Amino acid sequence: MPFYHQLGKIPHKRHTQFRKPDGNLYHEQLFGTIGFDGMYSNLYHIHRPTQVKEIRGQYSVAPKIAKPNHIQSYRFRGFQVPQEEDYLESRKTILCNSDCNIILAAPKQSTTAYFYKNSDADELVFVHRGSGKLRTLLGNLDFAYGDYLLIPRGIIYQIDFDAQDNRLFIVESYRPIYTPKRYRNWFGQLLEHSPFCERDLRRPTELESHDEKGEFLMKVKKQGDIFDMVYATHPFDVVGYDGFNYPYAFSIHDFEPITGRVHQPPPVHQTFETDAFVVCSFCPRLYDYHPQSIPAPYNHSNIDSDEVLYYVDGDFMSRNDIDAGHISLHPAGIPHGPHPGAYERSIGQTKTDELAVMVDTFKPLKVTEDALKIADETYHRSWLD
């Protein structure tokens, strides 16, 4: 849950006359969610934001499902997803259900030829490799290794990369993404025992206000299709806005781990939530300090959710033969736990340098054709003695 933010010029009262230096009116837009009941911002445009010159066509980007129903644990070698020039073409859906898509992307080029808007889903972009600037109609955000970029649905954006070696882990959510409600008080403020606070959430700066007419290509994602639309004015023509609905950044390196005398369950690592899945951050931390503690996680059964773990960097003490960029999928219905030897190896260890992102979904995930291209089909046998 972000907090109130104002950027640029706005009038004293909303829904009142706000005039340009030449006397003409700016064009107000309510940018809201969940009807008129959710988070919103009020935007002020130089031009009407409704001017569409042409709809050139549409094409499908819906994931192709290989295994709609399964009970097999998988490991996917994420860095085997090939690099591609274009940002949207590089996005490969690995796992999906009716609530979210889990995507890997390795784009080489910045999105300078078009603007992009996901009209269906919030996007949580984790930056594994690369740096640059997220440019949006509500201002810009610099990003680097370890950043989460939370881009609410409907935000128009471009991504400028500093180089060509970029690796992104993306969760596309059809449910709104918030900070965990158990870490907020009744005013929405993050509590003292929260593993991060509002100071850690980076809000947009550098508001771009382009007063340009012409032809501007907008790629809009809606219900699994991309629509190529031509806008009559530059999409970044907002001179000011205020409210709660805007993109923001949070670095995984600013997450403060919660530890205890014995092994702590995954919810202490929770970073984001929806009503359909949660996202957790596993960060470098001290291990449990009970004199007889076993730092490795105990075996546990996934009864109600599928568990996805994206390995970023460091030592993954509960797994054998895991590298950066790997993804493990432990589906609901079967137990999983540390690999052979990991339980015993962990005893006496005092800290871990692991860095990983976990997504737990309450509906089963489907395995796509793109996932099978990078899958280890023998992973489910890796617990055998």
Protein backbone atom coordinates (compact mmCIF):
# COMPACT_ATOMS: atom_id res chain seq x y z
CA MET A 1 0.00 0.00 0.00
CA PRO A 2 1.79 3.19 -1.11
CA PHE A 3 1.13 6.49 0.63
CA TYR A 4 0.04 9.92 -0.56
CA HIS A 5 2.28 11.44 -3.21
CA GLN A 6 2.19 14.69 -5.17
CA LEU A 7 4.36 15.57 -8.14
CA GLY A 8 4.23 18.55 -10.48
CA LYS A 9 1.54 21.25 -10.61
CA ILE A 10 -2.02 20.67 -9.37
CA PRO A 11 -4.93 23.02 -8.58
CA HIS A 12 -6.03 23.81 -5.04
CA LYS A 13 -9.24 21.77 -5.41
CA ARG A 14 -9.88 18.72 -7.59
CA HIS A 15 -12.54 18.87 -10.31
CA THR A 16 -12.10 22.64 -10.63
CA GLN A 17 -10.72 24.89 -13.38
CA PHE A 18 -6.97 24.47 -13.85
CA ARG A 19 -5.66 26.65 -16.66
CA LYS A 20 -2.52 26.69 -18.75
CA PRO A 21 -0.44 29.87 -19.11
CA ASP A 22 -2.35 30.61 -22.36
CA GLY A 23 -5.70 30.43 -20.55
CA ASN A 24 -6.83 27.06 -21.91
CA LEU A 25 -7.78 24.27 -19.53
CA TYR A 26 -5.64 21.33 -18.51
CA HIS A 27 -7.51 18.01 -18.80
CA GLU A 28 -8.16 16.19 -15.54
CA GLN A 29 -8.20 12.38 -15.39
CA LEU A 30 -9.20 10.22 -12.44
CA PHE A 31 -6.84 7.23 -12.49
CA GLY A 32 -8.66 4.83 -10.16
CA THR A 33 -9.04 1.19 -9.24
CA ILE A 34 -11.85 -1.13 -8.10
CA GLY A 35 -14.49 1.18 -9.51
CA PHE A 36 -14.43 4.26 -7.31
CA ASP A 37 -13.60 2.26 -4.18
CA GLY A 38 -9.86 1.58 -4.54
CA MET A 39 -6.66 3.60 -4.68
CA TYR A 40 -6.63 6.48 -7.16
CA SER A 41 -4.75 9.52 -8.35
CA ASN A 42 -5.89 12.69 -10.11
CA LEU A 43 -3.84 13.52 -13.21
CA TYR A 44 -3.70 16.77 -15.19
CA HIS A 45 -2.89 16.45 -18.91
CA ILE A 46 -1.81 19.09 -21.44
CA HIS A 47 -4.00 17.32 -24.04
CA ARG A 48 -7.10 15.14 -23.79
CA PRO A 49 -5.88 11.62 -22.92
CA THR A 50 -8.65 10.10 -25.07
CA GLN A 51 -7.34 10.87 -28.56
CA VAL A 52 -6.78 7.67 -30.59
CA LYS A 53 -5.97 8.03 -34.27
CA GLU A 54 -5.88 4.38 -35.27
CA ILE A 55 -6.08 0.79 -34.03
CA ARG A 56 -3.72 -1.05 -36.31
CA GLY A 57 -4.41 -4.60 -35.16
CA GLN A 58 -3.95 -7.15 -32.43
CA TYR A 59 -2.03 -10.34 -31.76
CA SER A 60 -2.07 -12.95 -29.03
CA VAL A 61 0.57 -13.22 -26.31
CA ALA A 62 -1.42 -15.72 -24.25
CA PRO A 63 0.79 -18.46 -22.76
CA LYS A 64 0.68 -21.86 -24.43
CA ILE A 65 -0.08 -24.43 -21.77
CA ALA A 66 1.87 -27.69 -21.82
CA LYS A 67 0.66 -29.17 -18.52
CA PRO A 68 -2.64 -27.76 -17.24
CA ASN A 69 -2.76 -30.28 -14.40
CA HIS A 70 0.24 -31.94 -12.76
CA ILE A 71 1.76 -32.90 -9.42
CA GLN A 72 5.41 -32.92 -10.45
CA SER A 73 8.10 -30.78 -8.84
CA TYR A 74 10.21 -28.90 -11.37
CA ARG A 75 13.42 -26.97 -11.65
CA PHE A 76 13.67 -24.45 -14.48
CA ARG A 77 17.01 -23.01 -15.58
CA GLY A 78 15.97 -19.39 -15.99
CA PHE A 79 19.14 -18.09 -17.60
CA GLN A 80 18.54 -20.47 -20.50
CA VAL A 81 15.74 -18.18 -21.64
CA PRO A 82 17.39 -16.54 -24.66
CA GLN A 83 18.09 -12.84 -24.88
CA GLU A 84 15.92 -10.94 -27.35
CA GLU A 85 16.13 -7.41 -28.65
CA ASP A 86 12.58 -6.31 -27.83
CA TYR A 87 11.25 -5.98 -24.27
CA LEU A 88 7.77 -7.39 -24.92
CA GLU A 89 8.98 -10.18 -27.19
CA SER A 90 11.52 -11.22 -24.55
CA ARG A 91 8.81 -11.86 -21.92
CA LYS A 92 8.24 -15.63 -21.63
CA THR A 93 5.47 -16.89 -19.35
CA ILE A 94 6.80 -19.91 -17.46
CA LEU A 95 3.92 -20.59 -15.06
CA CYS A 96 0.39 -19.23 -14.91
CA ASN A 97 -3.11 -19.56 -13.51
CA SER A 98 -6.22 -17.40 -13.61
CA ASP A 99 -4.72 -14.98 -11.05
CA CYS A 100 -1.18 -14.42 -12.28
CA ASN A 101 1.53 -15.07 -14.84
CA ILE A 102 5.13 -15.75 -13.77
CA ILE A 103 7.42 -14.44 -16.48
CA LEU A 104 11.12 -14.43 -17.34
CA ALA A 105 12.57 -11.79 -19.64
CA ALA A 106 16.02 -11.05 -21.04
CA PRO A 107 15.60 -7.89 -23.16
CA LYS A 108 18.61 -6.30 -24.81
CA GLN A 109 17.12 -3.03 -26.00
CA SER A 110 15.22 -0.15 -24.39
CA THR A 111 11.61 0.45 -25.41
CA THR A 112 12.06 3.62 -27.45
CA ALA A 113 9.84 2.73 -30.42
CA TYR A 114 6.60 2.39 -28.46
CA PHE A 115 4.84 2.87 -25.16
CA TYR A 116 3.34 -0.04 -23.20
CA LYS A 117 0.26 -0.37 -21.00
CA ASN A 118 -1.01 -3.50 -19.27
CA SER A 119 -4.72 -2.82 -18.84
CA ASP A 120 -5.44 -6.11 -17.06
CA ALA A 121 -2.72 -6.66 -14.49
CA ASP A 122 -0.38 -5.06 -11.98
CA GLU A 123 3.23 -5.87 -12.84
CA LEU A 124 5.86 -6.65 -10.22
CA VAL A 125 9.22 -6.55 -12.02
CA PHE A 126 12.23 -7.90 -10.11
CA VAL A 127 15.57 -6.78 -11.57
CA HIS A 128 18.06 -9.65 -11.38
CA ARG A 129 20.53 -8.14 -13.82
CA GLY A 130 20.66 -4.69 -15.33
CA SER A 131 20.02 -1.08 -14.45
CA GLY A 132 18.34 1.89 -16.01
CA LYS A 133 15.26 4.07 -15.76
CA LEU A 134 11.58 3.21 -15.69
CA ARG A 135 9.84 6.07 -17.49
CA THR A 136 6.09 6.51 -16.87
CA LEU A 137 3.38 9.11 -17.38
CA LEU A 138 3.54 9.63 -13.58
CA GLY A 139 7.29 10.20 -13.38
CA ASN A 140 10.50 8.23 -13.57
CA LEU A 141 12.25 5.73 -11.31
CA ASP A 142 15.90 4.70 -11.49
CA PHE A 143 16.41 0.97 -10.96
CA ALA A 144 19.28 -1.43 -10.40
CA TYR A 145 20.07 -4.99 -9.34
CA GLY A 146 17.71 -6.18 -6.61
CA ASP A 147 14.91 -3.69 -7.20
CA TYR A 148 11.24 -4.55 -7.26
CA LEU A 149 9.31 -2.23 -9.59
CA LEU A 150 5.58 -2.17 -8.80
CA ILE A 151 3.71 -0.92 -11.88
CA PRO A 152 -0.07 -0.71 -11.30
CA ARG A 153 -2.38 -1.76 -14.12
CA GLY A 154 -3.06 1.01 -16.62
CA ILE A 155 0.28 2.78 -16.13
CA ILE A 156 1.83 3.79 -19.46
CA TYR A 157 5.56 3.16 -19.41
CA GLN A 158 8.84 2.63 -21.22
CA ILE A 159 12.04 1.04 -19.90
CA ASP A 160 15.47 2.49 -20.64
CA PHE A 161 18.28 0.00 -19.97
CA ASP A 162 21.86 1.08 -19.42
CA ALA A 163 23.27 -2.01 -21.17
CA GLN A 164 22.18 -5.18 -22.98
CA ASP A 165 22.68 -7.77 -20.23
CA ASN A 166 19.29 -7.65 -18.50
CA ARG A 167 17.44 -10.40 -16.61
CA LEU A 168 13.97 -9.78 -15.18
CA PHE A 169 11.64 -11.93 -13.06
CA ILE A 170 8.11 -10.60 -13.52
CA VAL A 171 4.86 -11.43 -11.73
CA GLU A 172 1.84 -10.23 -13.67
CA SER A 173 -1.12 -10.09 -11.27
CA TYR A 174 -4.79 -9.83 -12.14
CA ARG A 175 -5.40 -8.96 -8.49
CA PRO A 176 -4.15 -5.69 -6.95
CA ILE A 177 -0.73 -6.00 -5.27
CA TYR A 178 -0.34 -4.46 -1.81
CA THR A 179 2.11 -4.51 1.09
CA PRO A 180 1.11 -7.13 3.72
CA LYS A 181 -1.85 -5.92 5.76
CA ARG A 182 -0.53 -7.50 8.97
CA TYR A 183 2.38 -5.07 8.77
CA ARG A 184 0.07 -2.02 8.53
CA ASN A 185 -1.95 -0.25 11.20
CA TRP A 186 -5.57 0.85 10.68
CA PHE A 187 -4.33 4.09 9.06
CA GLY A 188 -2.30 2.15 6.47
CA GLN A 189 1.08 3.04 7.98
CA LEU A 190 3.70 0.30 8.13
CA LEU A 191 4.21 -0.82 11.73
CA GLU A 192 7.39 -0.76 13.79
CA HIS A 193 7.88 -4.52 13.47
CA SER A 194 7.46 -4.47 9.68
CA PRO A 195 10.60 -5.65 7.82
CA PHE A 196 10.54 -2.42 5.80
CA CYS A 197 8.97 1.02 6.08
CA GLU A 198 7.81 3.93 3.92
CA ARG A 199 11.35 5.34 3.75
CA ASP A 200 12.32 2.28 1.73
CA LEU A 201 9.63 2.82 -0.94
CA ARG A 202 10.98 5.03 -3.72
CA ARG A 203 8.38 7.22 -5.37
CA PRO A 204 8.52 8.67 -8.91
CA THR A 205 10.54 11.78 -9.67
CA GLU A 206 11.46 13.61 -12.91
CA LEU A 207 7.93 14.10 -14.20
CA GLU A 208 8.06 14.39 -17.99
CA SER A 209 5.51 16.77 -19.53
CA HIS A 210 5.68 16.52 -23.33
CA ASP A 211 3.54 18.94 -25.32
CA GLU A 212 3.71 17.05 -28.62
CA LYS A 213 1.20 16.08 -31.31
CA GLY A 214 1.81 13.41 -33.93
CA GLU A 215 1.62 9.63 -34.03
CA PHE A 216 2.69 7.70 -30.93
CA LEU A 217 2.56 3.91 -30.94
CA MET A 218 0.94 2.44 -27.83
CA LYS A 219 0.95 -1.31 -27.20
CA VAL A 220 -1.94 -2.20 -24.87
CA LYS A 221 -2.29 -5.64 -23.32
CA LYS A 222 -5.89 -6.75 -22.76
CA GLN A 223 -7.14 -10.29 -22.12
CA GLY A 224 -4.05 -11.99 -23.53
CA ASP A 225 -3.80 -9.84 -26.68
CA ILE A 226 -1.60 -6.90 -27.59
CA PHE A 227 -3.39 -4.08 -29.41
CA ASP A 228 -1.33 -1.64 -31.48
CA MET A 229 -2.91 1.79 -31.06
CA VAL A 230 -1.79 5.15 -32.37
CA TYR A 231 -2.23 8.09 -29.99
CA ALA A 232 -2.54 11.62 -31.34
CA THR A 233 -0.47 13.18 -28.53
CA HIS A 234 2.54 12.16 -26.47
CA PRO A 235 1.40 9.85 -23.63
CA PHE A 236 3.72 11.59 -21.15
CA ASP A 237 1.91 14.94 -21.05
CA VAL A 238 0.96 15.02 -17.35
CA VAL A 239 1.95 18.30 -15.68
CA GLY A 240 1.01 17.15 -12.18
CA TYR A 241 -0.91 14.63 -10.10
CA ASP A 242 -1.60 13.55 -6.56
CA GLY A 243 -3.00 10.45 -4.88
CA PHE A 244 -2.14 6.90 -3.94
CA ASN A 245 -2.08 5.11 -7.33
CA TYR A 246 1.39 5.34 -8.91
CA PRO A 247 4.42 3.13 -9.62
CA TYR A 248 7.11 2.74 -6.99
CA ALA A 249 10.34 0.85 -6.34
CA PHE A 250 11.60 -1.18 -3.41
CA SER A 251 15.03 -2.80 -3.15
CA ILE A 252 15.27 -6.34 -1.82
CA HIS A 253 18.48 -5.13 -0.13
CA ASP A 254 16.33 -2.87 2.09
CA PHE A 255 14.30 -5.80 3.45
CA GLU A 256 15.19 -6.42 7.11
CA PRO A 257 14.93 -10.17 7.86
CA ILE A 258 13.09 -11.41 10.93
CA THR A 259 14.98 -14.15 12.77
CA GLY A 260 14.39 -16.27 15.88
CA ARG A 261 15.79 -18.95 18.17
CA VAL A 262 14.33 -21.65 15.90
CA HIS A 263 13.53 -21.76 12.19
CA GLN A 264 11.01 -19.10 11.16
CA PRO A 265 8.21 -19.93 8.68
CA PRO A 266 8.05 -18.28 5.23
CA PRO A 267 5.41 -15.63 6.16
CA VAL A 268 8.09 -13.66 8.08
CA HIS A 269 9.70 -13.01 4.69
CA GLN A 270 6.50 -11.70 3.10
CA THR A 271 6.95 -8.53 1.06
CA PHE A 272 3.82 -8.18 -1.09
CA GLU A 273 0.38 -9.78 -1.09
CA THR A 274 -2.82 -10.14 -3.06
CA ASP A 275 -5.91 -12.15 -2.17
CA ALA A 276 -4.62 -14.86 -4.54
CA PHE A 277 -0.87 -15.15 -3.84
CA VAL A 278 1.98 -13.73 -1.76
CA VAL A 279 5.55 -12.66 -2.60
CA CYS A 280 8.39 -13.20 -0.11
CA SER A 281 12.02 -12.03 -0.04
CA PHE A 282 14.72 -14.36 1.32
CA CYS A 283 17.68 -12.17 2.23
CA PRO A 284 21.10 -12.55 3.91
CA ARG A 285 20.48 -13.05 7.62
CA LEU A 286 21.68 -14.66 10.83
CA TYR A 287 20.48 -18.21 11.38
CA ASP A 288 18.47 -19.48 14.34
CA TYR A 289 20.34 -19.19 17.62
CA HIS A 290 18.83 -21.96 19.79
CA PRO A 291 21.79 -24.18 20.79
CA GLN A 292 20.13 -27.20 19.15
CA SER A 293 18.51 -25.42 16.20
CA ILE A 294 18.45 -26.86 12.69
CA PRO A 295 18.68 -23.88 10.33
CA ALA A 296 17.52 -25.81 7.26
CA PRO A 297 13.75 -25.65 6.71
CA TYR A 298 11.78 -28.65 7.91
CA ASN A 299 9.82 -30.84 5.51
CA HIS A 300 6.39 -29.37 4.91
CA SER A 301 3.35 -30.19 2.83
CA ASN A 302 1.98 -27.84 0.20
CA ILE A 303 -1.68 -28.57 0.84
CA ASP A 304 -3.20 -25.24 -0.18
CA SER A 305 -0.68 -23.59 -2.46
CA ASP A 306 1.98 -23.99 -5.14
CA GLU A 307 5.41 -22.70 -4.12
CA VAL A 308 7.71 -21.02 -6.63
CA LEU A 309 11.22 -19.97 -5.59
CA TYR A 310 13.37 -17.84 -7.86
CA TYR A 311 17.04 -18.08 -6.86
CA VAL A 312 18.91 -14.81 -7.24
CA ASP A 313 22.34 -15.10 -5.61
CA GLY A 314 24.25 -16.51 -2.64
CA ASP A 315 24.24 -19.90 -0.94
CA PHE A 316 20.99 -21.89 -1.13
CA MET A 317 21.65 -24.17 1.81
CA SER A 318 18.44 -26.22 1.53
CA ARG A 319 19.07 -27.19 -2.11
CA ASN A 320 21.73 -29.16 -3.96
CA ASP A 321 22.81 -28.14 -7.44
CA ILE A 322 20.95 -24.81 -7.56
CA ASP A 323 22.36 -21.79 -9.41
CA ALA A 324 21.37 -18.16 -9.86
CA GLY A 325 18.39 -17.82 -12.17
CA HIS A 326 16.98 -21.26 -11.36
CA ILE A 327 13.30 -21.58 -10.45
CA SER A 328 11.88 -24.41 -8.34
CA LEU A 329 8.20 -25.33 -8.45
CA HIS A 330 6.80 -27.40 -5.59
CA PRO A 331 3.12 -28.00 -6.34
CA ALA A 332 0.25 -28.42 -3.90
CA GLY A 333 -0.60 -31.95 -2.86
CA ILE A 334 2.86 -33.31 -2.02
CA PRO A 335 5.45 -32.52 0.69
CA HIS A 336 8.86 -31.05 -0.02
CA GLY A 337 11.87 -30.13 2.06
CA PRO A 338 15.66 -29.87 2.12
CA HIS A 339 17.67 -32.01 -0.25
CA PRO A 340 19.60 -35.04 1.08
CA GLY A 341 22.45 -33.84 3.28
CA ALA A 342 21.21 -30.25 3.54
CA TYR A 343 19.45 -30.84 6.88
CA GLU A 344 22.62 -32.15 8.48
CA ARG A 345 24.91 -29.64 6.71
CA SER A 346 23.03 -26.70 8.16
CA ILE A 347 23.67 -27.62 11.80
CA GLY A 348 26.21 -25.25 13.32
CA GLN A 349 25.93 -22.69 10.49
CA THR A 350 25.45 -19.14 11.78
CA LYS A 351 24.34 -17.15 8.73
CA THR A 352 23.29 -17.33 5.09
CA ASP A 353 23.99 -15.08 2.13
CA GLU A 354 21.05 -16.36 0.08
CA LEU A 355 18.94 -14.00 -2.00
CA ALA A 356 15.71 -15.33 -3.49
CA VAL A 357 12.14 -14.34 -4.38
CA MET A 358 9.25 -16.68 -3.53
CA VAL A 359 5.72 -16.67 -4.94
CA ASP A 360 3.08 -18.83 -3.26
CA THR A 361 -0.19 -19.11 -5.19
CA PHE A 362 -3.48 -20.40 -3.80
CA LYS A 363 -4.54 -21.82 -7.18
CA PRO A 364 -2.48 -24.46 -9.01
CA LEU A 365 0.00 -23.20 -11.57
CA LYS A 366 0.04 -24.48 -15.15
CA VAL A 367 3.35 -25.29 -16.84
CA THR A 368 3.81 -23.65 -20.24
CA GLU A 369 5.61 -24.77 -23.39
CA ASP A 370 8.27 -22.12 -22.77
CA ALA A 371 8.82 -23.60 -19.30
CA LEU A 372 9.46 -27.11 -20.63
CA LYS A 373 12.21 -25.72 -22.88
CA ILE A 374 14.27 -24.92 -19.75
CA ALA A 375 12.94 -27.64 -17.43
CA ASP A 376 14.83 -30.31 -15.50
CA GLU A 377 12.42 -33.24 -15.84
CA THR A 378 14.37 -35.27 -13.26
CA TYR A 379 14.17 -32.73 -10.42
CA HIS A 380 11.33 -34.58 -8.65
CA ARG A 381 13.75 -37.50 -8.06
CA SER A 382 16.41 -35.29 -6.42
CA TRP A 383 15.28 -36.23 -2.87
CA LEU A 384 16.11 -39.92 -3.32
CA ASP A 385 18.96 -41.25 -1.17
